[in-house]
Amino acid sequence: MDALMNQLAREMTDAIAAVVANDPAIEACREKARAAGLDMRVSLETVIGFADRASAGKAGTRTRQSPRTTFEISANDKRFLKSLRIASDQATEKEVE
């Protein structure tokens, strides 16, 4: 299954790159940069996720549950956040000295 997902993700990435490379608006921007004596490089990051349709539950319904992560906030972290005028939620995080 991993090989199939990798292949599908690679195909999707290639398809997106081909569309971007052939887009007239993008090419026009690159031409403007070349006319100004510059070379422009475009880099895109693509995140592709897969879910097993059989275990997705009801048809047409997508459920996504992310595990609740807990972290500890130190006194130094708290001072830093306060200097940025960001209040730390003391009820949910455990403060360590």
N, C-alpha and C. Protein backbone atom coordinates (compact mmCIF):
# COMPACT_ATOMS: atom_id res chain seq x y z
N MET A 1 0.81 -1.19 0.00
CA MET A 1 0.00 0.00 0.00
C MET A 1 0.86 1.26 0.00
N ASP A 2 1.98 1.25 0.73
CA ASP A 2 2.85 2.42 0.75
C ASP A 2 3.39 2.75 -0.63
N ALA A 3 3.74 1.74 -1.40
CA ALA A 3 4.25 1.98 -2.75
C ALA A 3 3.18 2.63 -3.62
N LEU A 4 1.94 2.18 -3.47
CA LEU A 4 0.83 2.77 -4.23
C LEU A 4 0.63 4.23 -3.83
N MET A 5 0.62 4.50 -2.53
CA MET A 5 0.45 5.88 -2.06
C MET A 5 1.58 6.77 -2.52
N ASN A 6 2.80 6.27 -2.48
CA ASN A 6 3.94 7.04 -2.95
C ASN A 6 3.81 7.36 -4.44
N GLN A 7 3.39 6.38 -5.21
CA GLN A 7 3.21 6.57 -6.66
C GLN A 7 2.12 7.60 -6.94
N LEU A 8 0.98 7.48 -6.24
CA LEU A 8 -0.11 8.43 -6.44
C LEU A 8 0.29 9.84 -6.02
N ALA A 9 1.01 9.95 -4.92
CA ALA A 9 1.47 11.27 -4.46
C ALA A 9 2.46 11.86 -5.46
N ARG A 10 3.34 11.03 -6.01
CA ARG A 10 4.30 11.50 -7.00
C ARG A 10 3.59 11.98 -8.26
N GLU A 11 2.57 11.21 -8.70
CA GLU A 11 1.80 11.61 -9.88
C GLU A 11 1.08 12.93 -9.66
N MET A 12 0.50 13.11 -8.48
CA MET A 12 -0.20 14.36 -8.16
C MET A 12 0.78 15.52 -8.13
N THR A 13 1.93 15.32 -7.53
CA THR A 13 2.94 16.37 -7.47
C THR A 13 3.41 16.76 -8.86
N ASP A 14 3.63 15.77 -9.72
CA ASP A 14 4.05 16.04 -11.10
C ASP A 14 2.96 16.78 -11.87
N ALA A 15 1.70 16.40 -11.64
CA ALA A 15 0.59 17.06 -12.34
C ALA A 15 0.48 18.52 -11.91
N ILE A 16 0.62 18.78 -10.62
CA ILE A 16 0.57 20.16 -10.12
C ILE A 16 1.72 20.97 -10.69
N ALA A 17 2.91 20.40 -10.70
CA ALA A 17 4.08 21.10 -11.24
C ALA A 17 3.90 21.42 -12.71
N ALA A 18 3.31 20.50 -13.47
CA ALA A 18 3.09 20.73 -14.90
C ALA A 18 2.10 21.87 -15.12
N VAL A 19 1.04 21.91 -14.33
CA VAL A 19 0.04 22.97 -14.46
C VAL A 19 0.67 24.32 -14.13
N VAL A 20 1.43 24.37 -13.06
CA VAL A 20 2.07 25.62 -12.66
C VAL A 20 3.08 26.07 -13.71
N ALA A 21 3.86 25.14 -14.23
CA ALA A 21 4.89 25.49 -15.22
C ALA A 21 4.28 26.02 -16.50
N ASN A 22 3.09 25.56 -16.85
CA ASN A 22 2.46 25.96 -18.11
C ASN A 22 1.44 27.08 -17.95
N ASP A 23 1.29 27.62 -16.76
CA ASP A 23 0.31 28.67 -16.54
C ASP A 23 0.78 29.98 -17.17
N PRO A 24 -0.04 30.61 -18.01
CA PRO A 24 0.37 31.85 -18.67
C PRO A 24 0.64 33.00 -17.71
N ALA A 25 -0.10 33.08 -16.62
CA ALA A 25 0.12 34.15 -15.65
C ALA A 25 1.48 34.01 -14.97
N ILE A 26 1.84 32.79 -14.65
CA ILE A 26 3.14 32.54 -14.03
C ILE A 26 4.26 32.84 -15.01
N GLU A 27 4.08 32.41 -16.25
CA GLU A 27 5.10 32.68 -17.27
C GLU A 27 5.24 34.18 -17.50
N ALA A 28 4.15 34.93 -17.46
CA ALA A 28 4.21 36.38 -17.62
C ALA A 28 5.01 37.02 -16.49
N CYS A 29 4.82 36.55 -15.28
CA CYS A 29 5.60 37.07 -14.14
C CYS A 29 7.08 36.76 -14.31
N ARG A 30 7.38 35.54 -14.76
CA ARG A 30 8.78 35.17 -14.98
C ARG A 30 9.40 36.03 -16.08
N GLU A 31 8.64 36.33 -17.13
CA GLU A 31 9.13 37.19 -18.21
C GLU A 31 9.42 38.60 -17.70
N LYS A 32 8.56 39.12 -16.84
CA LYS A 32 8.80 40.45 -16.25
C LYS A 32 10.09 40.45 -15.44
N ALA A 33 10.32 39.37 -14.71
CA ALA A 33 11.54 39.26 -13.92
C ALA A 33 12.76 39.20 -14.83
N ARG A 34 12.68 38.43 -15.90
CA ARG A 34 13.79 38.33 -16.86
C ARG A 34 14.07 39.69 -17.50
N ALA A 35 12.99 40.42 -17.84
CA ALA A 35 13.16 41.74 -18.45
C ALA A 35 13.83 42.71 -17.49
N ALA A 36 13.64 42.49 -16.20
CA ALA A 36 14.27 43.33 -15.19
C ALA A 36 15.68 42.85 -14.86
N GLY A 37 16.15 41.79 -15.55
CA GLY A 37 17.49 41.26 -15.32
C GLY A 37 17.56 40.28 -14.17
N LEU A 38 16.44 39.72 -13.79
CA LEU A 38 16.39 38.78 -12.67
C LEU A 38 15.96 37.40 -13.16
N ASP A 39 16.36 36.39 -12.43
CA ASP A 39 15.88 35.05 -12.70
C ASP A 39 15.00 34.66 -11.53
N MET A 40 13.85 34.12 -11.81
CA MET A 40 12.89 33.78 -10.77
C MET A 40 12.76 32.27 -10.67
N ARG A 41 12.82 31.78 -9.45
CA ARG A 41 12.61 30.36 -9.20
C ARG A 41 11.40 30.22 -8.29
N VAL A 42 10.49 29.36 -8.65
CA VAL A 42 9.28 29.13 -7.87
C VAL A 42 9.37 27.75 -7.24
N SER A 43 9.15 27.70 -5.94
CA SER A 43 9.19 26.44 -5.22
C SER A 43 7.88 26.30 -4.45
N LEU A 44 7.20 25.18 -4.65
CA LEU A 44 5.95 24.93 -3.96
C LEU A 44 6.09 23.70 -3.08
N GLU A 45 5.43 23.73 -1.94
CA GLU A 45 5.40 22.57 -1.06
C GLU A 45 4.02 21.97 -1.15
N THR A 46 3.95 20.69 -1.39
CA THR A 46 2.67 20.01 -1.51
C THR A 46 2.53 18.99 -0.39
N VAL A 47 1.42 19.04 0.30
CA VAL A 47 1.12 18.06 1.33
C VAL A 47 -0.08 17.26 0.84
N ILE A 48 0.11 15.97 0.69
CA ILE A 48 -0.94 15.11 0.18
C ILE A 48 -1.24 14.06 1.25
N GLY A 49 -2.50 13.96 1.62
CA GLY A 49 -2.90 13.01 2.64
C GLY A 49 -3.84 11.97 2.07
N PHE A 50 -3.82 10.79 2.63
CA PHE A 50 -4.67 9.70 2.19
C PHE A 50 -5.46 9.18 3.38
N ALA A 51 -6.69 8.75 3.10
CA ALA A 51 -7.52 8.11 4.12
C ALA A 51 -8.19 6.90 3.49
N ASP A 52 -8.31 5.87 4.26
CA ASP A 52 -8.96 4.65 3.78
C ASP A 52 -10.46 4.92 3.70
N ARG A 53 -11.01 4.85 2.51
CA ARG A 53 -12.44 5.16 2.32
C ARG A 53 -13.33 4.16 3.01
N ALA A 54 -12.90 2.91 3.15
CA ALA A 54 -13.73 1.88 3.77
C ALA A 54 -13.93 2.15 5.26
N SER A 55 -12.93 2.73 5.91
CA SER A 55 -13.04 2.98 7.35
C SER A 55 -13.41 4.41 7.67
N ALA A 56 -13.83 5.18 6.67
CA ALA A 56 -14.16 6.58 6.88
C ALA A 56 -15.52 6.77 7.53
N GLY A 57 -16.29 5.73 7.70
CA GLY A 57 -17.59 5.87 8.33
C GLY A 57 -18.66 6.03 7.28
N LYS A 58 -19.55 6.97 7.49
CA LYS A 58 -20.67 7.20 6.56
C LYS A 58 -20.16 7.73 5.24
N ALA A 59 -20.85 7.40 4.17
CA ALA A 59 -20.47 7.88 2.84
C ALA A 59 -20.55 9.39 2.80
N GLY A 60 -19.54 10.02 2.28
CA GLY A 60 -19.52 11.48 2.16
C GLY A 60 -19.11 12.20 3.43
N THR A 61 -18.90 11.49 4.49
CA THR A 61 -18.51 12.11 5.76
C THR A 61 -17.05 11.83 6.03
N ARG A 62 -16.31 12.89 6.27
CA ARG A 62 -14.90 12.73 6.59
C ARG A 62 -14.71 13.08 8.05
N THR A 63 -14.09 12.20 8.77
CA THR A 63 -13.79 12.47 10.17
C THR A 63 -12.29 12.45 10.35
N ARG A 64 -11.83 13.41 11.08
CA ARG A 64 -10.40 13.48 11.34
C ARG A 64 -10.21 13.84 12.79
N GLN A 65 -9.56 12.97 13.50
CA GLN A 65 -9.30 13.23 14.89
C GLN A 65 -7.81 13.29 15.11
N SER A 66 -7.37 14.38 15.68
CA SER A 66 -5.96 14.49 15.99
C SER A 66 -5.79 14.24 17.48
N PRO A 67 -4.75 13.53 17.84
CA PRO A 67 -4.55 13.26 19.26
C PRO A 67 -4.26 14.54 20.02
N ARG A 68 -4.78 14.64 21.20
CA ARG A 68 -4.56 15.82 22.04
C ARG A 68 -3.16 15.72 22.62
N THR A 69 -2.35 16.70 22.33
CA THR A 69 -0.99 16.69 22.84
C THR A 69 -0.90 17.59 24.06
N THR A 70 -0.14 17.16 25.02
CA THR A 70 0.09 17.98 26.20
C THR A 70 1.54 18.37 26.23
N PHE A 71 1.80 19.51 26.78
CA PHE A 71 3.17 19.96 26.88
C PHE A 71 3.35 20.70 28.20
N GLU A 72 4.58 20.81 28.60
CA GLU A 72 4.89 21.53 29.83
C GLU A 72 5.46 22.88 29.46
N ILE A 73 5.04 23.90 30.19
CA ILE A 73 5.53 25.24 29.94
C ILE A 73 6.38 25.66 31.14
N SER A 74 7.58 26.07 30.86
CA SER A 74 8.49 26.45 31.94
C SER A 74 8.26 27.92 32.30
N ALA A 75 8.84 28.33 33.41
CA ALA A 75 8.75 29.73 33.83
C ALA A 75 9.39 30.63 32.78
N ASN A 76 10.48 30.16 32.18
CA ASN A 76 11.15 30.93 31.13
C ASN A 76 10.24 31.07 29.91
N ASP A 77 9.56 29.98 29.53
CA ASP A 77 8.61 30.04 28.42
C ASP A 77 7.51 31.05 28.72
N LYS A 78 7.01 31.02 29.94
CA LYS A 78 5.94 31.92 30.35
C LYS A 78 6.39 33.38 30.26
N ARG A 79 7.62 33.66 30.71
CA ARG A 79 8.15 35.03 30.62
C ARG A 79 8.29 35.47 29.18
N PHE A 80 8.75 34.57 28.33
CA PHE A 80 8.90 34.89 26.92
C PHE A 80 7.55 35.21 26.29
N LEU A 81 6.55 34.36 26.54
CA LEU A 81 5.22 34.61 26.00
C LEU A 81 4.66 35.94 26.52
N LYS A 82 4.89 36.22 27.79
CA LYS A 82 4.41 37.48 28.37
C LYS A 82 5.08 38.66 27.70
N SER A 83 6.37 38.55 27.35
CA SER A 83 7.07 39.64 26.68
C SER A 83 6.48 39.91 25.29
N LEU A 84 5.87 38.88 24.69
CA LEU A 84 5.21 39.04 23.40
C LEU A 84 3.74 39.39 23.56
N ARG A 85 3.34 39.59 24.81
CA ARG A 85 1.94 39.89 25.15
C ARG A 85 1.00 38.76 24.74
N ILE A 86 1.47 37.54 25.00
CA ILE A 86 0.67 36.35 24.75
C ILE A 86 0.41 35.71 26.11
N ALA A 87 -0.85 35.54 26.44
CA ALA A 87 -1.19 34.93 27.73
C ALA A 87 -1.12 33.42 27.59
N SER A 88 -0.51 32.78 28.56
CA SER A 88 -0.47 31.32 28.56
C SER A 88 -1.69 30.82 29.31
N ASP A 89 -2.26 29.74 28.81
CA ASP A 89 -3.44 29.15 29.44
C ASP A 89 -2.95 28.22 30.54
N GLN A 90 -2.94 28.72 31.76
CA GLN A 90 -2.38 27.96 32.87
C GLN A 90 -3.26 26.79 33.28
N ALA A 91 -4.52 26.78 32.88
CA ALA A 91 -5.41 25.70 33.27
C ALA A 91 -5.11 24.40 32.54
N THR A 92 -4.54 24.50 31.34
CA THR A 92 -4.30 23.29 30.56
C THR A 92 -2.85 22.87 30.50
N GLU A 93 -1.93 23.78 30.74
CA GLU A 93 -0.53 23.41 30.68
C GLU A 93 0.03 23.28 32.09
N LYS A 94 0.97 22.41 32.23
CA LYS A 94 1.63 22.18 33.51
C LYS A 94 2.91 23.00 33.54
N GLU A 95 3.03 23.89 34.50
CA GLU A 95 4.21 24.76 34.57
C GLU A 95 5.30 24.07 35.36
N VAL A 96 6.52 24.09 34.81
CA VAL A 96 7.67 23.51 35.50
C VAL A 96 8.71 24.61 35.69
N GLU A 97 9.36 24.59 36.80
CA GLU A 97 10.39 25.60 37.09
C GLU A 97 11.73 25.18 36.58
